[in-house]
Amino acid sequence: MAKPNYAFEKRQRDLAKKKKKDEKRQRKLEAKAEPATDDAPTPPVDPADVD
């Protein structure tokens, strides 16, 4: 039986962790950037004030 290659398995785990961490960081950056584009929302228009 072939011996397990622990170094390869560890590298694969580390790469998976890094990928997940980068994806999470990207999601956070996108979520942070999205509200910044909508800084001044328009106030609701009251139909009574239109006249």
C-alpha atoms as a PDB file:
ATOM      1  CA  MET A   1       0.000   0.000   0.000  1.00  0.00           C
ATOM      2  CA  ALA A   2       1.277   3.486  -0.850  1.00  0.00           C
ATOM      3  CA  LYS A   3       2.173   5.776   1.991  1.00  0.00           C
ATOM      4  CA  PRO A   4       0.070   8.923   2.379  1.00  0.00           C
ATOM      5  CA  ASN A   5       1.558  12.197   1.190  1.00  0.00           C
ATOM      6  CA  TYR A   6       0.869  14.407   4.187  1.00  0.00           C
ATOM      7  CA  ALA A   7       2.714  17.404   2.742  1.00  0.00           C
ATOM      8  CA  PHE A   8       0.420  17.425  -0.303  1.00  0.00           C
ATOM      9  CA  GLU A   9      -2.688  17.095   1.865  1.00  0.00           C
ATOM     10  CA  LYS A  10      -1.521  19.938   4.118  1.00  0.00           C
ATOM     11  CA  ARG A  11      -0.828  22.160   1.116  1.00  0.00           C
ATOM     12  CA  GLN A  12      -4.283  21.430  -0.303  1.00  0.00           C
ATOM     13  CA  ARG A  13      -5.893  22.330   3.043  1.00  0.00           C
ATOM     14  CA  ASP A  14      -3.863  25.537   3.255  1.00  0.00           C
ATOM     15  CA  LEU A  15      -4.813  26.512  -0.293  1.00  0.00           C
ATOM     16  CA  ALA A  16      -8.492  25.860   0.457  1.00  0.00           C
ATOM     17  CA  LYS A  17      -8.282  28.001   3.607  1.00  0.00           C
ATOM     18  CA  LYS A  18      -6.583  30.813   1.700  1.00  0.00           C
ATOM     19  CA  LYS A  19      -9.185  30.692  -1.074  1.00  0.00           C
ATOM     20  CA  LYS A  20     -12.039  30.804   1.436  1.00  0.00           C
ATOM     21  CA  LYS A  21     -10.410  33.688   3.307  1.00  0.00           C
ATOM     22  CA  ASP A  22      -9.917  35.677   0.086  1.00  0.00           C
ATOM     23  CA  GLU A  23     -13.539  35.079  -0.959  1.00  0.00           C
ATOM     24  CA  LYS A  24     -14.746  36.275   2.443  1.00  0.00           C
ATOM     25  CA  ARG A  25     -12.533  39.363   2.203  1.00  0.00           C
ATOM     26  CA  GLN A  26     -13.935  40.127  -1.261  1.00  0.00           C
ATOM     27  CA  ARG A  27     -17.518  39.784   0.000  1.00  0.00           C
ATOM     28  CA  LYS A  28     -16.762  42.181   2.850  1.00  0.00           C
ATOM     29  CA  LEU A  29     -15.195  44.710   0.479  1.00  0.00           C
ATOM     30  CA  GLU A  30     -18.178  44.508  -1.874  1.00  0.00           C
ATOM     31  CA  ALA A  31     -20.633  44.903   0.993  1.00  0.00           C
ATOM     32  CA  LYS A  32     -18.672  47.871   2.316  1.00  0.00           C
ATOM     33  CA  ALA A  33     -18.444  49.531  -1.113  1.00  0.00           C
ATOM     34  CA  GLU A  34     -22.115  49.044  -1.996  1.00  0.00           C
ATOM     35  CA  PRO A  35     -23.634  51.328   0.697  1.00  0.00           C
ATOM     36  CA  ALA A  36     -20.979  53.971  -0.004  1.00  0.00           C
ATOM     37  CA  THR A  37     -22.373  54.483  -3.517  1.00  0.00           C
ATOM     38  CA  ASP A  38     -25.786  55.350  -2.054  1.00  0.00           C
ATOM     39  CA  ASP A  39     -24.724  57.987   0.488  1.00  0.00           C
ATOM     40  CA  ALA A  40     -27.659  60.382   0.090  1.00  0.00           C
ATOM     41  CA  PRO A  41     -30.937  58.548  -0.352  1.00  0.00           C
ATOM     42  CA  THR A  42     -33.757  60.730  -1.615  1.00  0.00           C
ATOM     43  CA  PRO A  43     -36.318  61.580   1.055  1.00  0.00           C
ATOM     44  CA  PRO A  44     -39.788  60.147   0.551  1.00  0.00           C
ATOM     45  CA  VAL A  45     -42.159  62.537  -1.183  1.00  0.00           C
ATOM     46  CA  ASP A  46     -45.337  63.311   0.743  1.00  0.00           C
ATOM     47  CA  PRO A  47     -48.292  63.776  -1.665  1.00  0.00           C
ATOM     48  CA  ALA A  48     -49.697  66.544   0.575  1.00  0.00           C
ATOM     49  CA  ASP A  49     -46.537  68.639   0.097  1.00  0.00           C
ATOM     50  CA  VAL A  50     -46.625  68.433  -3.719  1.00  0.00           C
ATOM     51  CA  ASP A  51     -49.381  71.106  -4.087  1.00  0.00           C
END
